PDB file of N, CA and C in Angstrom:
ATOM      1  N   MET A   1     -67.744-131.667  -1.341  1.00  0.00           N
ATOM      2  CA  MET A   1     -66.263-131.500  -1.450  1.00  0.00           C
ATOM      3  C   MET A   1     -65.936-130.247  -2.294  1.00  0.00           C
ATOM      4  N   ARG A   2     -64.956-129.543  -1.828  1.00  0.00           N
ATOM      5  CA  ARG A   2     -64.577-128.271  -2.550  1.00  0.00           C
ATOM      6  C   ARG A   2     -63.551-128.510  -3.544  1.00  0.00           C
ATOM      7  N   LYS A   3     -63.530-127.746  -4.517  1.00  0.00           N
ATOM      8  CA  LYS A   3     -62.532-127.816  -5.586  1.00  0.00           C
ATOM      9  C   LYS A   3     -61.669-126.496  -5.745  1.00  0.00           C
ATOM     10  N   LEU A   4     -60.495-126.622  -6.024  1.00  0.00           N
ATOM     11  CA  LEU A   4     -59.595-125.543  -6.221  1.00  0.00           C
ATOM     12  C   LEU A   4     -59.344-125.457  -7.817  1.00  0.00           C
ATOM     13  N   LEU A   5     -59.755-124.448  -8.565  1.00  0.00           N
ATOM     14  CA  LEU A   5     -59.419-124.443  -9.981  1.00  0.00           C
ATOM     15  C   LEU A   5     -58.427-123.254 -10.181  1.00  0.00           C
ATOM     16  N   VAL A   6     -57.278-123.594 -10.842  1.00  0.00           N
ATOM     17  CA  VAL A   6     -56.351-122.560 -11.170  1.00  0.00           C
ATOM     18  C   VAL A   6     -56.524-122.357 -12.725  1.00  0.00           C
ATOM     19  N   ILE A   7     -56.878-120.997 -12.982  1.00  0.00           N
ATOM     20  CA  ILE A   7     -57.200-120.729 -14.370  1.00  0.00           C
ATOM     21  C   ILE A   7     -56.303-119.579 -14.851  1.00  0.00           C
ATOM     22  N   GLY A   8     -55.552-119.813 -15.815  1.00  0.00           N
ATOM     23  CA  GLY A   8     -54.534-118.818 -16.303  1.00  0.00           C
ATOM     24  C   GLY A   8     -55.046-118.279 -17.706  1.00  0.00           C
ATOM     25  N   ILE A   9     -54.877-117.032 -18.038  1.00  0.00           N
ATOM     26  CA  ILE A   9     -55.365-116.505 -19.289  1.00  0.00           C
ATOM     27  C   ILE A   9     -54.194-115.863 -20.115  1.00  0.00           C
ATOM     28  N   GLY A  10     -53.114-116.457 -19.824  1.00  0.00           N
ATOM     29  CA  GLY A  10     -51.861-115.914 -20.647  1.00  0.00           C
ATOM     30  C   GLY A  10     -51.515-114.493 -20.461  1.00  0.00           C
ATOM     31  N   ALA A  11     -51.686-113.762 -21.612  1.00  0.00           N
ATOM     32  CA  ALA A  11     -51.208-112.366 -21.651  1.00  0.00           C
ATOM     33  C   ALA A  11     -52.349-111.481 -21.170  1.00  0.00           C
ATOM     34  N   GLY A  12     -53.581-112.065 -20.800  1.00  0.00           N
ATOM     35  CA  GLY A  12     -54.626-111.257 -20.005  1.00  0.00           C
ATOM     36  C   GLY A  12     -55.793-111.036 -20.919  1.00  0.00           C
ATOM     37  N   ASN A  13     -55.719-111.315 -22.228  1.00  0.00           N
ATOM     38  CA  ASN A  13     -56.808-111.031 -23.134  1.00  0.00           C
ATOM     39  C   ASN A  13     -57.924-112.068 -22.903  1.00  0.00           C
ATOM     40  N   PRO A  14     -59.067-111.674 -22.503  1.00  0.00           N
ATOM     41  CA  PRO A  14     -60.140-112.649 -22.162  1.00  0.00           C
ATOM     42  C   PRO A  14     -60.699-113.408 -23.461  1.00  0.00           C
ATOM     43  N   GLU A  15     -60.386-112.835 -24.599  1.00  0.00           N
ATOM     44  CA  GLU A  15     -60.661-113.631 -25.825  1.00  0.00           C
ATOM     45  C   GLU A  15     -60.075-114.853 -25.924  1.00  0.00           C
ATOM     46  N   HIS A  16     -58.857-115.107 -25.176  1.00  0.00           N
ATOM     47  CA  HIS A  16     -58.130-116.321 -25.411  1.00  0.00           C
ATOM     48  C   HIS A  16     -58.387-117.457 -24.366  1.00  0.00           C
ATOM     49  N   MET A  17     -59.542-117.151 -23.625  1.00  0.00           N
ATOM     50  CA  MET A  17     -59.784-118.146 -22.618  1.00  0.00           C
ATOM     51  C   MET A  17     -60.585-119.228 -23.225  1.00  0.00           C
ATOM     52  N   THR A  18     -60.280-120.456 -22.732  1.00  0.00           N
ATOM     53  CA  THR A  18     -61.064-121.641 -23.274  1.00  0.00           C
ATOM     54  C   THR A  18     -62.419-121.669 -22.702  1.00  0.00           C
ATOM     55  N   VAL A  19     -63.188-122.514 -23.233  1.00  0.00           N
ATOM     56  CA  VAL A  19     -64.628-122.740 -22.832  1.00  0.00           C
ATOM     57  C   VAL A  19     -64.582-123.399 -21.423  1.00  0.00           C
ATOM     58  N   GLN A  20     -63.539-124.233 -21.144  1.00  0.00           N
ATOM     59  CA  GLN A  20     -63.436-124.887 -19.761  1.00  0.00           C
ATOM     60  C   GLN A  20     -63.118-123.791 -18.816  1.00  0.00           C
ATOM     61  N   ALA A  21     -62.313-122.826 -19.092  1.00  0.00           N
ATOM     62  CA  ALA A  21     -61.921-121.676 -18.204  1.00  0.00           C
ATOM     63  C   ALA A  21     -63.184-120.869 -17.887  1.00  0.00           C
ATOM     64  N   ILE A  22     -63.933-120.513 -18.856  1.00  0.00           N
ATOM     65  CA  ILE A  22     -65.127-119.678 -18.623  1.00  0.00           C
ATOM     66  C   ILE A  22     -66.033-120.467 -17.808  1.00  0.00           C
ATOM     67  N   SER A  23     -66.375-121.752 -18.139  1.00  0.00           N
ATOM     68  CA  SER A  23     -67.188-122.516 -17.230  1.00  0.00           C
ATOM     69  C   SER A  23     -66.763-122.625 -15.854  1.00  0.00           C
ATOM     70  N   GLY A  24     -65.525-122.709 -15.621  1.00  0.00           N
ATOM     71  CA  GLY A  24     -64.979-122.727 -14.241  1.00  0.00           C
ATOM     72  C   GLY A  24     -65.185-121.440 -13.542  1.00  0.00           C
ATOM     73  N   LEU A  25     -65.052-120.399 -14.118  1.00  0.00           N
ATOM     74  CA  LEU A  25     -65.243-118.960 -13.672  1.00  0.00           C
ATOM     75  C   LEU A  25     -66.630-118.748 -13.280  1.00  0.00           C
ATOM     76  N   ASN A  26     -67.579-119.312 -14.156  1.00  0.00           N
ATOM     77  CA  ASN A  26     -69.110-119.084 -13.896  1.00  0.00           C
ATOM     78  C   ASN A  26     -69.556-119.913 -12.729  1.00  0.00           C
ATOM     79  N   ARG A  27     -68.838-121.030 -12.443  1.00  0.00           N
ATOM     80  CA  ARG A  27     -69.296-121.824 -11.349  1.00  0.00           C
ATOM     81  C   ARG A  27     -68.751-121.448  -9.947  1.00  0.00           C
ATOM     82  N   ALA A  28     -67.642-120.523 -10.023  1.00  0.00           N
ATOM     83  CA  ALA A  28     -66.849-120.254  -8.840  1.00  0.00           C
ATOM     84  C   ALA A  28     -67.568-119.438  -7.827  1.00  0.00           C
ATOM     85  N   ASP A  29     -67.418-119.808  -6.537  1.00  0.00           N
ATOM     86  CA  ASP A  29     -68.050-118.998  -5.432  1.00  0.00           C
ATOM     87  C   ASP A  29     -67.154-117.745  -5.170  1.00  0.00           C
ATOM     88  N   VAL A  30     -65.880-118.008  -5.311  1.00  0.00           N
ATOM     89  CA  VAL A  30     -64.746-117.018  -4.922  1.00  0.00           C
ATOM     90  C   VAL A  30     -63.675-116.853  -5.983  1.00  0.00           C
ATOM     91  N   LEU A  31     -63.293-115.613  -6.215  1.00  0.00           N
ATOM     92  CA  LEU A  31     -62.256-115.426  -7.212  1.00  0.00           C
ATOM     93  C   LEU A  31     -61.232-114.458  -6.590  1.00  0.00           C
ATOM     94  N   PHE A  32     -59.908-114.778  -6.935  1.00  0.00           N
ATOM     95  CA  PHE A  32     -58.694-114.101  -6.315  1.00  0.00           C
ATOM     96  C   PHE A  32     -58.082-113.455  -7.595  1.00  0.00           C
TER      97      PHE A  32
END
């Protein structure tokens, strides 16, 4: 089963990303 994760980082500063957001990005096969 595939999942669609939508991750927002607010103003765009990567330092404001949550641990869950980083984990999702690390697991992703495709990024847009």
